[in-house]
N, C-alpha and C. Protein backbone atom coordinates (compact mmCIF):
# COMPACT_ATOMS: atom_id res chain seq x y z
N MET A 1 153.10 116.37 78.99
CA MET A 1 154.29 116.55 78.17
C MET A 1 154.61 115.23 77.48
N MET A 2 154.93 115.32 76.22
CA MET A 2 155.25 114.14 75.43
C MET A 2 156.70 113.73 75.68
N ASN A 3 156.95 112.43 75.72
CA ASN A 3 158.33 111.97 75.87
C ASN A 3 158.88 111.54 74.50
N GLU A 4 160.15 111.21 74.48
CA GLU A 4 160.82 110.87 73.22
C GLU A 4 160.18 109.66 72.53
N ARG A 5 159.86 108.64 73.29
CA ARG A 5 159.25 107.44 72.70
C ARG A 5 157.93 107.78 72.03
N GLU A 6 157.10 108.57 72.69
CA GLU A 6 155.81 108.95 72.12
C GLU A 6 155.98 109.81 70.87
N ALA A 7 156.96 110.70 70.89
CA ALA A 7 157.22 111.55 69.72
C ALA A 7 157.67 110.70 68.54
N VAL A 8 158.56 109.75 68.79
CA VAL A 8 159.03 108.87 67.71
C VAL A 8 157.87 108.06 67.15
N GLN A 9 157.01 107.56 68.02
CA GLN A 9 155.86 106.77 67.57
C GLN A 9 154.92 107.63 66.71
N ALA A 10 154.66 108.85 67.13
CA ALA A 10 153.78 109.74 66.36
C ALA A 10 154.40 110.11 65.02
N LEU A 11 155.68 110.44 65.04
CA LEU A 11 156.35 110.81 63.79
C LEU A 11 156.43 109.62 62.84
N ALA A 12 156.65 108.43 63.37
CA ALA A 12 156.70 107.23 62.52
C ALA A 12 155.34 106.99 61.87
N ALA A 13 154.27 107.21 62.62
CA ALA A 13 152.93 107.02 62.06
C ALA A 13 152.66 108.02 60.95
N LEU A 14 153.17 109.22 61.09
CA LEU A 14 152.95 110.26 60.08
C LEU A 14 153.91 110.17 58.91
N ALA A 15 154.91 109.31 59.01
CA ALA A 15 155.93 109.18 57.96
C ALA A 15 155.49 108.24 56.85
N GLN A 16 154.23 108.27 56.52
CA GLN A 16 153.66 107.46 55.44
C GLN A 16 152.62 108.35 54.76
N PRO A 17 152.68 108.48 53.44
CA PRO A 17 151.84 109.45 52.74
C PRO A 17 150.33 109.35 53.01
N VAL A 18 149.77 108.15 52.98
CA VAL A 18 148.32 108.03 53.20
C VAL A 18 147.97 108.42 54.63
N ARG A 19 148.77 108.00 55.60
CA ARG A 19 148.49 108.36 56.99
C ARG A 19 148.62 109.86 57.21
N LEU A 20 149.62 110.47 56.60
CA LEU A 20 149.79 111.92 56.74
C LEU A 20 148.60 112.65 56.12
N ARG A 21 148.17 112.22 54.95
CA ARG A 21 147.01 112.84 54.30
C ARG A 21 145.74 112.63 55.12
N ALA A 22 145.58 111.44 55.68
CA ALA A 22 144.40 111.15 56.52
C ALA A 22 144.41 112.04 57.76
N PHE A 23 145.55 112.15 58.41
CA PHE A 23 145.64 112.99 59.60
C PHE A 23 145.33 114.44 59.27
N ARG A 24 145.90 114.93 58.18
CA ARG A 24 145.65 116.32 57.78
C ARG A 24 144.17 116.54 57.46
N ALA A 25 143.55 115.57 56.82
CA ALA A 25 142.12 115.69 56.51
C ALA A 25 141.29 115.74 57.79
N LEU A 26 141.68 114.95 58.78
CA LEU A 26 140.96 114.96 60.06
C LEU A 26 141.20 116.26 60.82
N VAL A 27 142.40 116.81 60.71
CA VAL A 27 142.67 118.12 61.32
C VAL A 27 141.77 119.16 60.67
N GLN A 28 141.67 119.12 59.36
CA GLN A 28 140.83 120.08 58.64
C GLN A 28 139.35 119.90 58.98
N ALA A 29 138.93 118.67 59.23
CA ALA A 29 137.53 118.40 59.56
C ALA A 29 137.16 118.94 60.94
N GLY A 30 138.14 119.13 61.80
CA GLY A 30 137.88 119.69 63.12
C GLY A 30 137.12 118.74 64.02
N ALA A 31 136.37 119.32 64.94
CA ALA A 31 135.66 118.53 65.95
C ALA A 31 134.58 117.64 65.36
N GLU A 32 134.09 117.98 64.19
CA GLU A 32 133.05 117.17 63.54
C GLU A 32 133.58 115.79 63.15
N GLY A 33 134.84 115.72 62.75
CA GLY A 33 135.44 114.45 62.35
C GLY A 33 134.87 113.94 61.04
N LEU A 34 135.27 112.74 60.69
CA LEU A 34 134.84 112.12 59.44
C LEU A 34 134.58 110.64 59.65
N THR A 35 133.67 110.10 58.88
CA THR A 35 133.47 108.66 58.87
C THR A 35 134.57 108.03 58.01
N PRO A 36 134.87 106.76 58.22
CA PRO A 36 135.87 106.11 57.38
C PRO A 36 135.50 106.16 55.90
N GLY A 37 134.22 106.03 55.59
CA GLY A 37 133.79 106.08 54.19
C GLY A 37 134.08 107.42 53.55
N ALA A 38 133.75 108.49 54.26
CA ALA A 38 134.01 109.84 53.73
C ALA A 38 135.50 110.09 53.59
N LEU A 39 136.27 109.61 54.55
CA LEU A 39 137.72 109.79 54.51
C LEU A 39 138.33 108.99 53.37
N ALA A 40 137.91 107.74 53.19
CA ALA A 40 138.43 106.91 52.10
C ALA A 40 138.11 107.54 50.75
N GLU A 41 136.91 108.06 50.62
CA GLU A 41 136.52 108.71 49.36
C GLU A 41 137.37 109.96 49.11
N ALA A 42 137.57 110.76 50.14
CA ALA A 42 138.35 111.99 49.99
C ALA A 42 139.80 111.70 49.64
N LEU A 43 140.33 110.60 50.17
CA LEU A 43 141.74 110.26 49.95
C LEU A 43 141.95 109.35 48.75
N HIS A 44 140.86 108.87 48.16
CA HIS A 44 140.93 107.95 47.02
C HIS A 44 141.70 106.68 47.36
N VAL A 45 141.35 106.10 48.51
CA VAL A 45 141.94 104.83 48.93
C VAL A 45 140.81 103.86 49.24
N THR A 46 141.12 102.58 49.22
CA THR A 46 140.10 101.58 49.53
C THR A 46 139.80 101.60 51.03
N PRO A 47 138.59 101.24 51.41
CA PRO A 47 138.26 101.19 52.84
C PRO A 47 139.18 100.27 53.64
N SER A 48 139.57 99.14 53.06
CA SER A 48 140.45 98.23 53.81
C SER A 48 141.83 98.83 54.01
N ALA A 49 142.35 99.53 53.01
CA ALA A 49 143.66 100.19 53.17
C ALA A 49 143.56 101.29 54.22
N LEU A 50 142.48 102.06 54.17
CA LEU A 50 142.31 103.13 55.14
C LEU A 50 142.20 102.58 56.55
N SER A 51 141.50 101.47 56.72
CA SER A 51 141.35 100.86 58.03
C SER A 51 142.71 100.55 58.65
N PHE A 52 143.61 100.00 57.86
CA PHE A 52 144.97 99.71 58.32
C PHE A 52 145.66 100.99 58.79
N HIS A 53 145.56 102.05 57.99
CA HIS A 53 146.24 103.30 58.31
C HIS A 53 145.62 103.98 59.53
N LEU A 54 144.31 103.92 59.66
CA LEU A 54 143.67 104.52 60.83
C LEU A 54 144.07 103.80 62.11
N LYS A 55 144.24 102.49 62.04
CA LYS A 55 144.70 101.74 63.22
C LYS A 55 146.08 102.20 63.66
N GLU A 56 146.95 102.48 62.70
CA GLU A 56 148.29 102.98 63.03
C GLU A 56 148.21 104.35 63.69
N LEU A 57 147.36 105.22 63.16
CA LEU A 57 147.19 106.55 63.75
C LEU A 57 146.56 106.47 65.14
N LEU A 58 145.62 105.55 65.32
CA LEU A 58 145.02 105.33 66.64
C LEU A 58 146.07 104.85 67.63
N HIS A 59 146.88 103.89 67.22
CA HIS A 59 147.93 103.34 68.08
C HIS A 59 148.92 104.42 68.51
N ALA A 60 149.18 105.37 67.62
CA ALA A 60 150.11 106.46 67.93
C ALA A 60 149.44 107.57 68.74
N GLY A 61 148.13 107.46 68.95
CA GLY A 61 147.41 108.47 69.72
C GLY A 61 147.10 109.74 68.95
N LEU A 62 147.24 109.69 67.63
CA LEU A 62 147.02 110.88 66.81
C LEU A 62 145.57 111.08 66.40
N VAL A 63 144.76 110.04 66.49
CA VAL A 63 143.34 110.17 66.18
C VAL A 63 142.52 109.47 67.26
N THR A 64 141.26 109.85 67.33
CA THR A 64 140.32 109.19 68.22
C THR A 64 139.21 108.58 67.38
N GLN A 65 138.55 107.62 67.96
CA GLN A 65 137.46 106.92 67.29
C GLN A 65 136.26 106.92 68.22
N GLN A 66 135.09 107.27 67.68
CA GLN A 66 133.88 107.28 68.49
C GLN A 66 132.74 106.68 67.68
N ARG A 67 131.99 105.82 68.31
CA ARG A 67 130.83 105.23 67.64
C ARG A 67 129.63 106.16 67.83
N GLN A 68 128.98 106.47 66.71
CA GLN A 68 127.74 107.25 66.73
C GLN A 68 126.70 106.44 65.98
N GLY A 69 125.87 105.74 66.73
CA GLY A 69 124.90 104.85 66.10
C GLY A 69 125.62 103.72 65.38
N ARG A 70 125.37 103.61 64.09
CA ARG A 70 126.01 102.56 63.29
C ARG A 70 127.34 103.01 62.69
N HIS A 71 127.71 104.26 62.90
CA HIS A 71 128.90 104.80 62.26
C HIS A 71 130.04 105.04 63.25
N LEU A 72 131.25 104.93 62.74
CA LEU A 72 132.42 105.34 63.50
C LEU A 72 132.81 106.73 63.01
N ILE A 73 133.20 107.58 63.94
CA ILE A 73 133.67 108.92 63.59
C ILE A 73 135.12 109.01 64.06
N TYR A 74 135.97 109.41 63.16
CA TYR A 74 137.38 109.62 63.49
C TYR A 74 137.65 111.11 63.57
N ARG A 75 138.45 111.49 64.56
CA ARG A 75 138.83 112.88 64.76
C ARG A 75 140.33 112.95 65.04
N ALA A 76 140.92 114.06 64.65
CA ALA A 76 142.31 114.29 65.02
C ALA A 76 142.37 114.49 66.53
N ALA A 77 143.40 113.95 67.14
CA ALA A 77 143.61 114.15 68.58
C ALA A 77 144.45 115.42 68.73
N PHE A 78 143.77 116.55 68.83
CA PHE A 78 144.46 117.84 68.85
C PHE A 78 145.40 117.98 70.03
N THR A 79 145.06 117.38 71.17
CA THR A 79 145.94 117.45 72.33
C THR A 79 147.27 116.77 72.04
N THR A 80 147.22 115.62 71.38
CA THR A 80 148.45 114.91 71.02
C THR A 80 149.22 115.70 69.97
N MET A 81 148.52 116.27 69.00
CA MET A 81 149.19 117.08 67.99
C MET A 81 149.91 118.26 68.64
N GLN A 82 149.24 118.93 69.56
CA GLN A 82 149.86 120.06 70.25
C GLN A 82 151.05 119.61 71.09
N ALA A 83 150.94 118.45 71.73
CA ALA A 83 152.06 117.93 72.52
C ALA A 83 153.25 117.61 71.63
N LEU A 84 152.99 117.06 70.45
CA LEU A 84 154.07 116.76 69.51
C LEU A 84 154.75 118.05 69.05
N LEU A 85 153.96 119.05 68.70
CA LEU A 85 154.53 120.33 68.29
C LEU A 85 155.34 120.95 69.42
N ALA A 86 154.84 120.86 70.64
CA ALA A 86 155.56 121.40 71.79
C ALA A 86 156.87 120.65 71.99
N TYR A 87 156.83 119.33 71.85
CA TYR A 87 158.05 118.53 72.00
C TYR A 87 159.09 118.93 70.95
N LEU A 88 158.63 119.11 69.71
CA LEU A 88 159.55 119.44 68.62
C LEU A 88 160.14 120.84 68.75
N THR A 89 159.40 121.75 69.37
CA THR A 89 159.88 123.12 69.47
C THR A 89 160.44 123.47 70.85
N GLU A 90 160.43 122.49 71.75
CA GLU A 90 160.97 122.73 73.08
C GLU A 90 162.44 123.13 72.97
N ASN A 91 162.79 124.16 73.67
CA ASN A 91 164.17 124.66 73.69
C ASN A 91 164.66 125.16 72.34
N CYS A 92 163.73 125.50 71.45
CA CYS A 92 164.18 126.05 70.17
C CYS A 92 164.70 127.46 70.40
N CYS A 93 165.43 127.96 69.46
CA CYS A 93 165.94 129.34 69.52
C CYS A 93 166.79 129.57 70.77
N ARG A 94 167.50 128.53 71.18
CA ARG A 94 168.39 128.61 72.35
C ARG A 94 167.68 129.12 73.60
N GLY A 95 166.46 128.66 73.77
CA GLY A 95 165.70 129.03 74.96
C GLY A 95 165.01 130.37 74.88
N GLN A 96 165.20 131.09 73.79
CA GLN A 96 164.54 132.39 73.59
C GLN A 96 163.09 132.15 73.18
N ALA A 97 162.31 133.19 73.23
CA ALA A 97 160.92 133.08 72.75
C ALA A 97 160.94 132.81 71.25
N CYS A 98 160.18 131.83 70.83
CA CYS A 98 160.15 131.45 69.42
C CYS A 98 158.92 132.02 68.73
N ALA A 99 159.00 132.11 67.42
CA ALA A 99 157.85 132.53 66.64
C ALA A 99 156.73 131.50 66.73
N VAL A 100 157.12 130.24 66.90
CA VAL A 100 156.14 129.16 67.03
C VAL A 100 155.84 128.95 68.50
N ALA A 101 154.61 129.14 68.88
CA ALA A 101 154.20 128.92 70.26
C ALA A 101 153.21 127.77 70.27
N ALA A 102 153.71 126.55 70.31
CA ALA A 102 152.86 125.36 70.19
C ALA A 102 151.81 125.30 71.28
N ASP A 103 152.13 125.80 72.47
CA ASP A 103 151.15 125.72 73.55
C ASP A 103 150.00 126.70 73.35
N GLU A 104 150.15 127.65 72.43
CA GLU A 104 149.08 128.60 72.16
C GLU A 104 148.21 128.18 70.98
N LEU A 105 148.61 127.12 70.28
CA LEU A 105 147.80 126.63 69.17
C LEU A 105 146.51 126.05 69.71
N SER A 106 145.44 126.39 69.10
CA SER A 106 144.18 125.80 69.52
C SER A 106 143.26 125.70 68.32
N CYS A 107 142.34 124.80 68.42
CA CYS A 107 141.36 124.60 67.36
C CYS A 107 139.99 124.73 67.98
N PRO A 108 139.05 125.31 67.24
CA PRO A 108 137.70 125.44 67.80
C PRO A 108 137.08 124.07 68.04
N THR A 109 136.33 123.98 69.11
CA THR A 109 135.66 122.71 69.41
C THR A 109 134.19 122.80 69.15
């Protein structure tokens, strides 16, 4: 379960247009993830600018980084995303069942 501090940190990281676009692109990429070069090209940002933004997303726990040979692969941290959605929708609808069921969201692996 995500706590308030973690939720604020994740939301702060996403409260910047390039980081939000990068995170959404990684969510769309799914388990395959993207290299920084492919992500920078898709977002039309310089590699150095993207590096800064990816570090912020890593620090917030929203993305993961894995080395594959000479390349780094970035992926959305779906568990953290689901925890953030669950935190935001906890106790919604005055405790009634909500249309949004964050704990039922899943992405193919």
